[in-house]
Amino acid sequence: MGWPGHVVDILAVFSTLFGLATSLGLGAQQAAAGLHFLFDVPDTDTTRVLLIVAITTITLCSVAAGVDAGLKHLSELNMALAFALMLFILFTGPTMDLVVGFFNNIWAYVTYLPELSMPFGRDDVNYSQSWSAFYWAWWISWSPFVGMFIARVSRGRTVREFLIAVLLVPTIVCILWMTIFGGAAIFQVDSGYTEVANAALELKLFAMLGNLP
């Protein structure tokens, strides 16, 4: 491999660390705001640090237990809870609007993807240079870790299986997720619920859930 390979490995480690720090920071910020919203826990830096320590400890324990015994069960639990929450919003929120919106969003994704992927000649400069640039950098920082993970779990799969599992299914799931959570919030704002529109960014999810049964 030589020294160029070692340099790439070191850069990959630092890249993953930056991505992990960003994810933990944003997650702890939203979790601390949620705890304050629900249980009046002080929303301070100390709370966020304690949350980061707790999350890191759970993750380290799952990693130490191995992929099959630790990470697998933790991932399955996470996906089950997320799926249950998504179904709750789907059936207690504006169900028909969300179902119709899902198919409309798939069509919009296919229709507008080429145009939205073009960085030149755009009017929404603020959006493309702030949120989009941050989002790209965030995901690029995760690319070494995610790339190795996908390569490992895809061993022995066909190209068709790889494309379906890595590109098609995640895209559809993301559209479904954004449609249900975002669509429910947009429906509430259009219906006159000011709590969602006026809430802080990290509290908008909790404000939306607070308007459901």
N, C-alpha and C. Protein backbone atom coordinates (compact mmCIF):
# COMPACT_ATOMS: atom_id res chain seq x y z
N MET A 1 0.83 -1.20 0.00
CA MET A 1 0.00 0.00 0.00
C MET A 1 0.86 1.25 0.00
N GLY A 2 1.88 1.29 0.86
CA GLY A 2 2.78 2.43 0.89
C GLY A 2 2.19 3.63 1.62
N TRP A 3 2.98 4.73 1.62
CA TRP A 3 2.54 5.90 2.38
C TRP A 3 1.27 6.57 1.82
N PRO A 4 1.01 6.56 0.50
CA PRO A 4 -0.26 7.15 0.05
C PRO A 4 -1.48 6.46 0.65
N GLY A 5 -1.39 5.13 0.76
CA GLY A 5 -2.52 4.40 1.35
C GLY A 5 -2.73 4.74 2.81
N HIS A 6 -1.61 4.90 3.55
CA HIS A 6 -1.73 5.28 4.96
C HIS A 6 -2.33 6.68 5.11
N VAL A 7 -1.96 7.59 4.22
CA VAL A 7 -2.52 8.95 4.27
C VAL A 7 -4.03 8.90 4.04
N VAL A 8 -4.45 8.09 3.07
CA VAL A 8 -5.89 7.94 2.80
C VAL A 8 -6.61 7.36 4.02
N ASP A 9 -6.00 6.36 4.66
CA ASP A 9 -6.62 5.75 5.85
C ASP A 9 -6.78 6.78 6.96
N ILE A 10 -5.74 7.59 7.18
CA ILE A 10 -5.80 8.61 8.24
C ILE A 10 -6.87 9.64 7.93
N LEU A 11 -6.94 10.08 6.66
CA LEU A 11 -7.97 11.04 6.28
C LEU A 11 -9.37 10.46 6.44
N ALA A 12 -9.51 9.17 6.14
CA ALA A 12 -10.82 8.51 6.30
C ALA A 12 -11.23 8.47 7.76
N VAL A 13 -10.28 8.21 8.65
CA VAL A 13 -10.59 8.18 10.08
C VAL A 13 -11.04 9.56 10.56
N PHE A 14 -10.29 10.61 10.19
CA PHE A 14 -10.67 11.96 10.61
C PHE A 14 -11.99 12.37 9.98
N SER A 15 -12.23 11.97 8.74
CA SER A 15 -13.50 12.29 8.09
C SER A 15 -14.66 11.68 8.84
N THR A 16 -14.53 10.41 9.22
CA THR A 16 -15.59 9.73 9.96
C THR A 16 -15.80 10.37 11.33
N LEU A 17 -14.72 10.80 11.98
CA LEU A 17 -14.82 11.46 13.28
C LEU A 17 -15.62 12.76 13.17
N PHE A 18 -15.34 13.54 12.11
CA PHE A 18 -16.09 14.79 11.91
C PHE A 18 -17.57 14.50 11.66
N GLY A 19 -17.85 13.47 10.84
CA GLY A 19 -19.24 13.11 10.59
C GLY A 19 -19.95 12.64 11.84
N LEU A 20 -19.24 11.84 12.66
CA LEU A 20 -19.81 11.34 13.91
C LEU A 20 -20.07 12.48 14.88
N ALA A 21 -19.12 13.42 14.97
CA ALA A 21 -19.29 14.56 15.88
C ALA A 21 -20.50 15.41 15.47
N THR A 22 -20.67 15.60 14.17
CA THR A 22 -21.82 16.38 13.69
C THR A 22 -23.13 15.68 14.01
N SER A 23 -23.18 14.37 13.76
CA SER A 23 -24.40 13.61 14.03
C SER A 23 -24.74 13.60 15.52
N LEU A 24 -23.73 13.39 16.34
CA LEU A 24 -23.95 13.38 17.79
C LEU A 24 -24.39 14.76 18.28
N GLY A 25 -23.77 15.80 17.75
CA GLY A 25 -24.11 17.16 18.17
C GLY A 25 -25.55 17.51 17.83
N LEU A 26 -25.96 17.25 16.60
CA LEU A 26 -27.33 17.55 16.19
C LEU A 26 -28.33 16.68 16.94
N GLY A 27 -28.01 15.39 17.10
CA GLY A 27 -28.91 14.50 17.81
C GLY A 27 -29.07 14.88 19.27
N ALA A 28 -27.96 15.23 19.92
CA ALA A 28 -28.03 15.61 21.33
C ALA A 28 -28.78 16.92 21.50
N GLN A 29 -28.63 17.83 20.56
CA GLN A 29 -29.35 19.10 20.63
C GLN A 29 -30.86 18.88 20.55
N GLN A 30 -31.30 18.03 19.63
CA GLN A 30 -32.73 17.76 19.50
C GLN A 30 -33.24 16.96 20.69
N ALA A 31 -32.45 15.98 21.16
CA ALA A 31 -32.87 15.18 22.30
C ALA A 31 -32.99 16.03 23.57
N ALA A 32 -32.04 16.93 23.79
CA ALA A 32 -32.09 17.79 24.96
C ALA A 32 -33.30 18.72 24.90
N ALA A 33 -33.58 19.25 23.70
CA ALA A 33 -34.75 20.11 23.55
C ALA A 33 -36.03 19.32 23.80
N GLY A 34 -36.06 18.07 23.34
CA GLY A 34 -37.23 17.24 23.57
C GLY A 34 -37.45 16.90 25.03
N LEU A 35 -36.36 16.60 25.74
CA LEU A 35 -36.47 16.31 27.17
C LEU A 35 -36.96 17.54 27.94
N HIS A 36 -36.49 18.71 27.51
CA HIS A 36 -36.96 19.94 28.16
C HIS A 36 -38.44 20.18 27.86
N PHE A 37 -38.83 19.90 26.62
CA PHE A 37 -40.22 20.10 26.19
C PHE A 37 -41.17 19.16 26.92
N LEU A 38 -40.74 17.91 27.13
CA LEU A 38 -41.62 16.89 27.70
C LEU A 38 -41.55 16.83 29.22
N PHE A 39 -40.32 16.91 29.76
CA PHE A 39 -40.14 16.66 31.19
C PHE A 39 -39.48 17.83 31.93
N ASP A 40 -39.33 18.96 31.23
CA ASP A 40 -38.75 20.16 31.83
C ASP A 40 -37.31 19.94 32.31
N VAL A 41 -36.60 19.02 31.65
CA VAL A 41 -35.17 18.84 31.94
C VAL A 41 -34.41 20.05 31.42
N PRO A 42 -33.49 20.62 32.18
CA PRO A 42 -32.78 21.82 31.72
C PRO A 42 -32.08 21.59 30.38
N ASP A 43 -32.33 22.46 29.43
CA ASP A 43 -31.73 22.36 28.10
C ASP A 43 -30.41 23.12 28.12
N THR A 44 -29.38 22.48 28.66
CA THR A 44 -28.08 23.12 28.83
C THR A 44 -26.99 22.30 28.14
N ASP A 45 -25.80 22.88 28.09
CA ASP A 45 -24.66 22.15 27.52
C ASP A 45 -24.36 20.88 28.31
N THR A 46 -24.56 20.94 29.62
CA THR A 46 -24.33 19.76 30.46
C THR A 46 -25.26 18.61 30.06
N THR A 47 -26.52 18.92 29.81
CA THR A 47 -27.46 17.89 29.39
C THR A 47 -27.02 17.29 28.07
N ARG A 48 -26.59 18.13 27.14
CA ARG A 48 -26.16 17.63 25.83
C ARG A 48 -24.93 16.74 25.96
N VAL A 49 -23.98 17.15 26.80
CA VAL A 49 -22.78 16.34 27.00
C VAL A 49 -23.13 15.00 27.60
N LEU A 50 -24.01 14.98 28.59
CA LEU A 50 -24.43 13.72 29.21
C LEU A 50 -25.13 12.82 28.19
N LEU A 51 -25.93 13.40 27.32
CA LEU A 51 -26.58 12.62 26.28
C LEU A 51 -25.56 12.02 25.31
N ILE A 52 -24.57 12.81 24.93
CA ILE A 52 -23.53 12.31 24.04
C ILE A 52 -22.75 11.17 24.69
N VAL A 53 -22.44 11.32 25.99
CA VAL A 53 -21.73 10.26 26.72
C VAL A 53 -22.58 8.99 26.77
N ALA A 54 -23.88 9.14 27.03
CA ALA A 54 -24.76 7.98 27.11
C ALA A 54 -24.88 7.28 25.76
N ILE A 55 -25.06 8.06 24.70
CA ILE A 55 -25.17 7.48 23.36
C ILE A 55 -23.88 6.78 22.98
N THR A 56 -22.75 7.42 23.26
CA THR A 56 -21.46 6.83 22.92
C THR A 56 -21.23 5.53 23.69
N THR A 57 -21.63 5.50 24.96
CA THR A 57 -21.46 4.30 25.78
C THR A 57 -22.28 3.14 25.23
N ILE A 58 -23.53 3.41 24.88
CA ILE A 58 -24.39 2.37 24.32
C ILE A 58 -23.80 1.86 23.00
N THR A 59 -23.32 2.77 22.18
CA THR A 59 -22.74 2.38 20.90
C THR A 59 -21.49 1.52 21.10
N LEU A 60 -20.62 1.93 22.01
CA LEU A 60 -19.40 1.16 22.28
C LEU A 60 -19.73 -0.24 22.78
N CYS A 61 -20.74 -0.35 23.63
CA CYS A 61 -21.13 -1.66 24.14
C CYS A 61 -21.64 -2.55 23.02
N SER A 62 -22.42 -1.97 22.11
CA SER A 62 -22.95 -2.76 20.99
C SER A 62 -21.84 -3.18 20.03
N VAL A 63 -20.87 -2.29 19.81
CA VAL A 63 -19.74 -2.63 18.94
C VAL A 63 -18.89 -3.72 19.57
N ALA A 64 -18.66 -3.61 20.88
CA ALA A 64 -17.84 -4.61 21.57
C ALA A 64 -18.52 -5.98 21.56
N ALA A 65 -19.85 -6.01 21.51
CA ALA A 65 -20.57 -7.28 21.49
C ALA A 65 -20.52 -7.95 20.12
N GLY A 66 -20.08 -7.22 19.10
CA GLY A 66 -19.99 -7.79 17.76
C GLY A 66 -21.14 -7.37 16.87
N VAL A 67 -20.96 -7.59 15.57
CA VAL A 67 -21.97 -7.16 14.60
C VAL A 67 -23.28 -7.90 14.81
N ASP A 68 -23.23 -9.23 14.94
CA ASP A 68 -24.46 -10.02 15.05
C ASP A 68 -25.13 -9.88 16.41
N ALA A 69 -24.35 -9.77 17.46
CA ALA A 69 -24.93 -9.73 18.80
C ALA A 69 -25.26 -8.31 19.26
N GLY A 70 -24.49 -7.31 18.80
CA GLY A 70 -24.68 -5.95 19.28
C GLY A 70 -25.32 -5.03 18.27
N LEU A 71 -24.58 -4.71 17.23
CA LEU A 71 -25.05 -3.74 16.24
C LEU A 71 -26.35 -4.19 15.57
N LYS A 72 -26.46 -5.48 15.30
CA LYS A 72 -27.65 -5.98 14.63
C LYS A 72 -28.90 -5.73 15.48
N HIS A 73 -28.83 -6.10 16.75
CA HIS A 73 -30.00 -5.93 17.62
C HIS A 73 -30.32 -4.45 17.85
N LEU A 74 -29.27 -3.63 18.01
CA LEU A 74 -29.49 -2.20 18.22
C LEU A 74 -30.12 -1.57 16.99
N SER A 75 -29.65 -1.97 15.81
CA SER A 75 -30.21 -1.44 14.57
C SER A 75 -31.65 -1.88 14.37
N GLU A 76 -31.93 -3.15 14.67
CA GLU A 76 -33.30 -3.66 14.53
C GLU A 76 -34.25 -2.95 15.49
N LEU A 77 -33.79 -2.70 16.72
CA LEU A 77 -34.62 -1.98 17.68
C LEU A 77 -34.88 -0.55 17.20
N ASN A 78 -33.85 0.09 16.70
CA ASN A 78 -33.98 1.45 16.21
C ASN A 78 -34.97 1.53 15.04
N MET A 79 -34.85 0.60 14.10
CA MET A 79 -35.74 0.58 12.94
C MET A 79 -37.18 0.27 13.35
N ALA A 80 -37.35 -0.63 14.31
CA ALA A 80 -38.71 -0.97 14.77
C ALA A 80 -39.38 0.23 15.42
N LEU A 81 -38.66 0.95 16.27
CA LEU A 81 -39.23 2.13 16.92
C LEU A 81 -39.54 3.23 15.91
N ALA A 82 -38.62 3.42 14.96
CA ALA A 82 -38.85 4.45 13.94
C ALA A 82 -40.05 4.09 13.07
N PHE A 83 -40.17 2.83 12.69
CA PHE A 83 -41.30 2.39 11.87
C PHE A 83 -42.61 2.54 12.63
N ALA A 84 -42.61 2.21 13.92
CA ALA A 84 -43.82 2.35 14.73
C ALA A 84 -44.24 3.81 14.82
N LEU A 85 -43.27 4.72 15.01
CA LEU A 85 -43.58 6.14 15.08
C LEU A 85 -44.13 6.64 13.75
N MET A 86 -43.55 6.17 12.65
CA MET A 86 -44.01 6.58 11.33
C MET A 86 -45.45 6.12 11.09
N LEU A 87 -45.77 4.88 11.46
CA LEU A 87 -47.13 4.37 11.30
C LEU A 87 -48.11 5.14 12.17
N PHE A 88 -47.68 5.51 13.37
CA PHE A 88 -48.54 6.29 14.26
C PHE A 88 -48.93 7.62 13.61
N ILE A 89 -47.95 8.31 13.03
CA ILE A 89 -48.23 9.59 12.38
C ILE A 89 -49.10 9.39 11.15
N LEU A 90 -48.83 8.31 10.41
CA LEU A 90 -49.61 8.04 9.19
C LEU A 90 -51.08 7.83 9.50
N PHE A 91 -51.40 7.07 10.56
CA PHE A 91 -52.79 6.70 10.83
C PHE A 91 -53.51 7.70 11.73
N THR A 92 -52.78 8.51 12.48
CA THR A 92 -53.44 9.51 13.33
C THR A 92 -53.41 10.89 12.69
N GLY A 93 -52.61 11.06 11.63
CA GLY A 93 -52.54 12.33 10.93
C GLY A 93 -53.45 12.34 9.72
N PRO A 94 -53.19 13.22 8.77
CA PRO A 94 -54.02 13.29 7.54
C PRO A 94 -53.66 12.14 6.59
N THR A 95 -54.20 10.96 6.87
CA THR A 95 -53.77 9.74 6.18
C THR A 95 -53.87 9.84 4.67
N MET A 96 -55.01 10.23 4.15
CA MET A 96 -55.20 10.27 2.71
C MET A 96 -54.28 11.29 2.05
N ASP A 97 -54.11 12.44 2.68
CA ASP A 97 -53.20 13.45 2.14
C ASP A 97 -51.76 12.93 2.08
N LEU A 98 -51.37 12.16 3.09
CA LEU A 98 -50.01 11.62 3.13
C LEU A 98 -49.82 10.54 2.07
N VAL A 99 -50.84 9.69 1.88
CA VAL A 99 -50.74 8.64 0.87
C VAL A 99 -50.64 9.24 -0.52
N VAL A 100 -51.50 10.21 -0.81
CA VAL A 100 -51.45 10.88 -2.12
C VAL A 100 -50.14 11.65 -2.27
N GLY A 101 -49.71 12.29 -1.20
CA GLY A 101 -48.46 13.04 -1.25
C GLY A 101 -47.25 12.17 -1.51
N PHE A 102 -47.29 10.91 -1.04
CA PHE A 102 -46.17 10.00 -1.27
C PHE A 102 -45.97 9.76 -2.76
N PHE A 103 -47.04 9.47 -3.48
CA PHE A 103 -46.92 9.22 -4.92
C PHE A 103 -46.59 10.51 -5.68
N ASN A 104 -47.15 11.63 -5.22
CA ASN A 104 -46.80 12.91 -5.85
C ASN A 104 -45.33 13.24 -5.65
N ASN A 105 -44.80 12.92 -4.48
CA ASN A 105 -43.40 13.22 -4.19
C ASN A 105 -42.46 12.33 -4.99
N ILE A 106 -42.85 11.07 -5.21
CA ILE A 106 -42.03 10.21 -6.07
C ILE A 106 -41.95 10.79 -7.47
N TRP A 107 -43.09 11.22 -8.00
CA TRP A 107 -43.11 11.82 -9.34
C TRP A 107 -42.30 13.12 -9.37
N ALA A 108 -42.43 13.92 -8.31
CA ALA A 108 -41.68 15.17 -8.25
C ALA A 108 -40.18 14.90 -8.15
N TYR A 109 -39.80 13.85 -7.42
CA TYR A 109 -38.39 13.51 -7.29
C TYR A 109 -37.80 13.15 -8.65
N VAL A 110 -38.50 12.33 -9.39
CA VAL A 110 -38.02 11.92 -10.71
C VAL A 110 -38.00 13.11 -11.67
N THR A 111 -39.01 13.98 -11.56
CA THR A 111 -39.15 15.09 -12.49
C THR A 111 -38.13 16.19 -12.25
N TYR A 112 -37.94 16.55 -10.98
CA TYR A 112 -37.11 17.71 -10.66
C TYR A 112 -35.67 17.38 -10.30
N LEU A 113 -35.34 16.09 -10.18
CA LEU A 113 -33.97 15.74 -9.78
C LEU A 113 -32.91 16.30 -10.72
N PRO A 114 -33.06 16.18 -12.05
CA PRO A 114 -32.02 16.76 -12.93
C PRO A 114 -31.86 18.26 -12.74
N GLU A 115 -32.98 18.98 -12.63
CA GLU A 115 -32.91 20.43 -12.47
C GLU A 115 -32.30 20.83 -11.14
N LEU A 116 -32.72 20.15 -10.07
CA LEU A 116 -32.21 20.48 -8.74
C LEU A 116 -30.75 20.07 -8.57
N SER A 117 -30.27 19.14 -9.39
CA SER A 117 -28.87 18.72 -9.31
C SER A 117 -27.93 19.68 -10.01
N MET A 118 -28.47 20.62 -10.78
CA MET A 118 -27.65 21.57 -11.51
C MET A 118 -27.30 22.76 -10.61
N PRO A 119 -26.03 22.98 -10.31
CA PRO A 119 -25.67 24.06 -9.39
C PRO A 119 -25.58 25.43 -10.05
N PHE A 120 -25.74 25.51 -11.36
CA PHE A 120 -25.55 26.78 -12.05
C PHE A 120 -26.89 27.39 -12.46
N GLY A 121 -26.93 28.72 -12.49
CA GLY A 121 -28.12 29.43 -12.94
C GLY A 121 -29.32 29.26 -12.05
N ARG A 122 -29.11 29.17 -10.74
CA ARG A 122 -30.21 28.95 -9.80
C ARG A 122 -30.55 30.25 -9.07
N ASP A 123 -31.83 30.37 -8.68
CA ASP A 123 -32.28 31.55 -7.94
C ASP A 123 -32.18 31.35 -6.43
N ASP A 124 -32.29 30.10 -5.97
CA ASP A 124 -32.27 29.83 -4.53
C ASP A 124 -30.83 29.66 -4.05
N VAL A 125 -30.03 30.71 -4.19
CA VAL A 125 -28.61 30.65 -3.85
C VAL A 125 -28.41 30.39 -2.37
N ASN A 126 -29.23 31.01 -1.53
CA ASN A 126 -29.06 30.86 -0.09
C ASN A 126 -29.25 29.42 0.33
N TYR A 127 -30.25 28.74 -0.23
CA TYR A 127 -30.50 27.35 0.13
C TYR A 127 -29.37 26.45 -0.36
N SER A 128 -28.98 26.63 -1.62
CA SER A 128 -27.98 25.73 -2.20
C SER A 128 -26.61 25.91 -1.57
N GLN A 129 -26.30 27.12 -1.10
CA GLN A 129 -24.97 27.38 -0.55
C GLN A 129 -24.89 27.19 0.96
N SER A 130 -26.03 27.07 1.62
CA SER A 130 -26.00 26.89 3.08
C SER A 130 -26.38 25.46 3.44
N TRP A 131 -27.67 25.14 3.37
CA TRP A 131 -28.12 23.82 3.79
C TRP A 131 -27.55 22.73 2.90
N SER A 132 -27.64 22.88 1.59
CA SER A 132 -27.17 21.82 0.69
C SER A 132 -25.69 21.55 0.86
N ALA A 133 -24.88 22.63 0.93
CA ALA A 133 -23.43 22.46 1.09
C ALA A 133 -23.11 21.76 2.40
N PHE A 134 -23.81 22.13 3.48
CA PHE A 134 -23.61 21.48 4.76
C PHE A 134 -23.99 20.00 4.70
N TYR A 135 -25.12 19.73 4.06
CA TYR A 135 -25.61 18.35 3.97
C TYR A 135 -24.64 17.50 3.16
N TRP A 136 -24.14 18.03 2.05
CA TRP A 136 -23.17 17.29 1.23
C TRP A 136 -21.90 16.99 2.04
N ALA A 137 -21.38 18.01 2.71
CA ALA A 137 -20.16 17.82 3.49
C ALA A 137 -20.37 16.80 4.60
N TRP A 138 -21.54 16.85 5.21
CA TRP A 138 -21.85 15.91 6.29
C TRP A 138 -21.85 14.49 5.77
N TRP A 139 -22.50 14.24 4.64
CA TRP A 139 -22.57 12.89 4.10
C TRP A 139 -21.25 12.44 3.50
N ILE A 140 -20.51 13.36 2.90
CA ILE A 140 -19.19 13.00 2.37
C ILE A 140 -18.28 12.55 3.50
N SER A 141 -18.41 13.18 4.67
CA SER A 141 -17.57 12.79 5.80
C SER A 141 -17.87 11.38 6.27
N TRP A 142 -19.08 10.90 6.00
CA TRP A 142 -19.46 9.54 6.38
C TRP A 142 -19.11 8.52 5.30
N SER A 143 -18.76 8.98 4.12
CA SER A 143 -18.60 8.08 2.97
C SER A 143 -17.56 6.98 3.18
N PRO A 144 -16.41 7.22 3.82
CA PRO A 144 -15.47 6.10 4.01
C PRO A 144 -16.06 4.96 4.83
N PHE A 145 -16.72 5.30 5.95
CA PHE A 145 -17.30 4.28 6.81
C PHE A 145 -18.45 3.58 6.11
N VAL A 146 -19.37 4.37 5.54
CA VAL A 146 -20.55 3.78 4.89
C VAL A 146 -20.13 2.94 3.68
N GLY A 147 -19.13 3.42 2.93
CA GLY A 147 -18.67 2.67 1.77
C GLY A 147 -18.12 1.31 2.14
N MET A 148 -17.31 1.26 3.22
CA MET A 148 -16.78 -0.03 3.66
C MET A 148 -17.89 -0.95 4.19
N PHE A 149 -18.86 -0.36 4.89
CA PHE A 149 -19.96 -1.16 5.42
C PHE A 149 -20.79 -1.76 4.28
N ILE A 150 -21.12 -0.93 3.28
CA ILE A 150 -21.91 -1.43 2.15
C ILE A 150 -21.13 -2.49 1.39
N ALA A 151 -19.82 -2.28 1.24
CA ALA A 151 -19.01 -3.28 0.53
C ALA A 151 -19.01 -4.61 1.27
N ARG A 152 -18.99 -4.56 2.60
CA ARG A 152 -18.94 -5.80 3.39
C ARG A 152 -20.27 -6.55 3.30
N VAL A 153 -21.38 -5.83 3.48
CA VAL A 153 -22.67 -6.52 3.49
C VAL A 153 -23.12 -6.90 2.09
N SER A 154 -22.47 -6.32 1.05
CA SER A 154 -22.86 -6.63 -0.33
C SER A 154 -22.04 -7.75 -0.94
N ARG A 155 -21.12 -8.29 -0.18
CA ARG A 155 -20.28 -9.35 -0.71
C ARG A 155 -21.12 -10.57 -1.09
N GLY A 156 -20.93 -11.03 -2.32
CA GLY A 156 -21.68 -12.17 -2.81
C GLY A 156 -23.00 -11.81 -3.45
N ARG A 157 -23.36 -10.52 -3.45
CA ARG A 157 -24.62 -10.10 -4.07
C ARG A 157 -24.40 -9.80 -5.55
N THR A 158 -25.47 -9.86 -6.31
CA THR A 158 -25.39 -9.50 -7.72
C THR A 158 -25.48 -7.99 -7.86
N VAL A 159 -25.13 -7.48 -9.04
CA VAL A 159 -25.21 -6.04 -9.29
C VAL A 159 -26.65 -5.56 -9.15
N ARG A 160 -27.60 -6.36 -9.63
CA ARG A 160 -29.01 -5.99 -9.51
C ARG A 160 -29.42 -5.88 -8.05
N GLU A 161 -29.05 -6.85 -7.23
CA GLU A 161 -29.38 -6.81 -5.81
C GLU A 161 -28.72 -5.60 -5.14
N PHE A 162 -27.49 -5.31 -5.54
CA PHE A 162 -26.78 -4.18 -4.96
C PHE A 162 -27.50 -2.87 -5.28
N LEU A 163 -27.88 -2.66 -6.53
CA LEU A 163 -28.53 -1.42 -6.94
C LEU A 163 -29.89 -1.26 -6.25
N ILE A 164 -30.63 -2.37 -6.13
CA ILE A 164 -31.94 -2.30 -5.49
C ILE A 164 -31.79 -1.97 -4.00
N ALA A 165 -30.87 -2.65 -3.32
CA ALA A 165 -30.72 -2.50 -1.87
C ALA A 165 -30.04 -1.20 -1.48
N VAL A 166 -29.14 -0.68 -2.32
CA VAL A 166 -28.35 0.50 -1.95
C VAL A 166 -28.94 1.79 -2.52
N LEU A 167 -29.56 1.74 -3.68
CA LEU A 167 -30.07 2.95 -4.32
C LEU A 167 -31.60 3.05 -4.29
N LEU A 168 -32.28 2.01 -4.78
CA LEU A 168 -33.72 2.10 -4.96
C LEU A 168 -34.48 2.10 -3.64
N VAL A 169 -34.25 1.08 -2.81
CA VAL A 169 -34.99 0.96 -1.55
C VAL A 169 -34.73 2.14 -0.61
N PRO A 170 -33.48 2.55 -0.35
CA PRO A 170 -33.27 3.72 0.52
C PRO A 170 -33.93 4.99 0.00
N THR A 171 -33.93 5.18 -1.32
CA THR A 171 -34.57 6.37 -1.88
C THR A 171 -36.06 6.37 -1.61
N ILE A 172 -36.72 5.23 -1.83
CA ILE A 172 -38.16 5.13 -1.60
C ILE A 172 -38.48 5.30 -0.11
N VAL A 173 -37.67 4.70 0.76
CA VAL A 173 -37.90 4.82 2.19
C VAL A 173 -37.73 6.27 2.64
N CYS A 174 -36.72 6.96 2.11
CA CYS A 174 -36.51 8.37 2.46
C CYS A 174 -37.69 9.22 2.01
N ILE A 175 -38.19 8.98 0.79
CA ILE A 175 -39.35 9.73 0.32
C ILE A 175 -40.57 9.46 1.20
N LEU A 176 -40.76 8.19 1.59
CA LEU A 176 -41.88 7.84 2.47
C LEU A 176 -41.74 8.53 3.82
N TRP A 177 -40.55 8.50 4.38
CA TRP A 177 -40.29 9.11 5.69
C TRP A 177 -40.51 10.61 5.65
N MET A 178 -39.94 11.29 4.65
CA MET A 178 -40.08 12.74 4.54
C MET A 178 -41.53 13.13 4.24
N THR A 179 -42.23 12.30 3.47
CA THR A 179 -43.63 12.59 3.15
C THR A 179 -44.49 12.55 4.40
N ILE A 180 -44.31 11.52 5.22
CA ILE A 180 -45.17 11.36 6.40
C ILE A 180 -44.85 12.41 7.45
N PHE A 181 -43.59 12.55 7.81
CA PHE A 181 -43.24 13.51 8.86
C PHE A 181 -43.39 14.95 8.37
N GLY A 182 -42.81 15.24 7.20
CA GLY A 182 -42.91 16.60 6.67
C GLY A 182 -44.32 16.94 6.23
N GLY A 183 -45.01 15.96 5.61
CA GLY A 183 -46.37 16.22 5.16
C GLY A 183 -47.32 16.48 6.31
N ALA A 184 -47.17 15.76 7.40
CA ALA A 184 -48.02 15.99 8.57
C ALA A 184 -47.79 17.39 9.14
N ALA A 185 -46.52 17.81 9.19
CA ALA A 185 -46.21 19.15 9.70
C ALA A 185 -46.76 20.23 8.78
N ILE A 186 -46.59 20.06 7.47
CA ILE A 186 -47.10 21.04 6.51
C ILE A 186 -48.62 21.12 6.58
N PHE A 187 -49.29 19.98 6.72
CA PHE A 187 -50.75 19.96 6.85
C PHE A 187 -51.19 20.75 8.08
N GLN A 188 -50.47 20.59 9.20
CA GLN A 188 -50.83 21.32 10.41
C GLN A 188 -50.64 22.82 10.25
N VAL A 189 -49.54 23.20 9.58
CA VAL A 189 -49.30 24.63 9.36
C VAL A 189 -50.39 25.22 8.47
N ASP A 190 -50.74 24.50 7.40
CA ASP A 190 -51.80 24.97 6.50
C ASP A 190 -53.16 25.00 7.19
N SER A 191 -53.32 24.17 8.24
CA SER A 191 -54.59 24.12 8.95
C SER A 191 -54.67 25.14 10.08
N GLY A 192 -53.63 25.93 10.26
CA GLY A 192 -53.66 27.00 11.25
C GLY A 192 -53.01 26.68 12.58
N TYR A 193 -52.31 25.54 12.67
CA TYR A 193 -51.60 25.22 13.92
C TYR A 193 -50.31 26.04 13.97
N THR A 194 -50.30 27.07 14.78
CA THR A 194 -49.14 27.98 14.82
C THR A 194 -47.98 27.40 15.63
N GLU A 195 -48.25 26.36 16.43
CA GLU A 195 -47.17 25.81 17.27
C GLU A 195 -46.02 25.29 16.42
N VAL A 196 -46.34 24.62 15.33
CA VAL A 196 -45.30 24.04 14.49
C VAL A 196 -44.49 25.13 13.81
N ALA A 197 -45.17 26.13 13.27
CA ALA A 197 -44.49 27.19 12.54
C ALA A 197 -43.62 28.05 13.46
N ASN A 198 -44.08 28.27 14.70
CA ASN A 198 -43.37 29.17 15.61
C ASN A 198 -42.33 28.47 16.48
N ALA A 199 -42.33 27.14 16.50
CA ALA A 199 -41.40 26.40 17.36
C ALA A 199 -39.97 26.53 16.84
N ALA A 200 -39.01 26.41 17.74
CA ALA A 200 -37.61 26.39 17.34
C ALA A 200 -37.34 25.17 16.47
N LEU A 201 -36.28 25.22 15.69
CA LEU A 201 -36.00 24.15 14.72
C LEU A 201 -35.93 22.79 15.39
N GLU A 202 -35.24 22.71 16.53
CA GLU A 202 -35.08 21.41 17.19
C GLU A 202 -36.35 20.95 17.90
N LEU A 203 -37.39 21.81 17.97
CA LEU A 203 -38.63 21.45 18.64
C LEU A 203 -39.80 21.25 17.68
N LYS A 204 -39.59 21.45 16.40
CA LYS A 204 -40.69 21.36 15.46
C LYS A 204 -41.29 19.94 15.41
N LEU A 205 -40.44 18.92 15.50
CA LEU A 205 -40.95 17.55 15.51
C LEU A 205 -41.86 17.32 16.71
N PHE A 206 -41.45 17.79 17.88
CA PHE A 206 -42.25 17.59 19.10
C PHE A 206 -43.53 18.41 19.05
N ALA A 207 -43.46 19.60 18.45
CA ALA A 207 -44.67 20.42 18.31
C ALA A 207 -45.67 19.74 17.38
N MET A 208 -45.16 19.14 16.30
CA MET A 208 -46.05 18.42 15.38
C MET A 208 -46.69 17.22 16.06
N LEU A 209 -45.89 16.45 16.80
CA LEU A 209 -46.43 15.28 17.51
C LEU A 209 -47.42 15.69 18.59
N GLY A 210 -47.21 16.86 19.19
CA GLY A 210 -48.10 17.33 20.23
C GLY A 210 -49.50 17.65 19.75
N ASN A 211 -49.67 17.85 18.44
CA ASN A 211 -50.99 18.12 17.89
C ASN A 211 -51.72 16.85 17.46
N LEU A 212 -51.09 15.71 17.62
CA LEU A 212 -51.72 14.43 17.25
C LEU A 212 -52.39 13.82 18.49
N PRO A 213 -53.32 12.90 18.29
CA PRO A 213 -54.01 12.29 19.44
C PRO A 213 -53.04 11.58 20.37
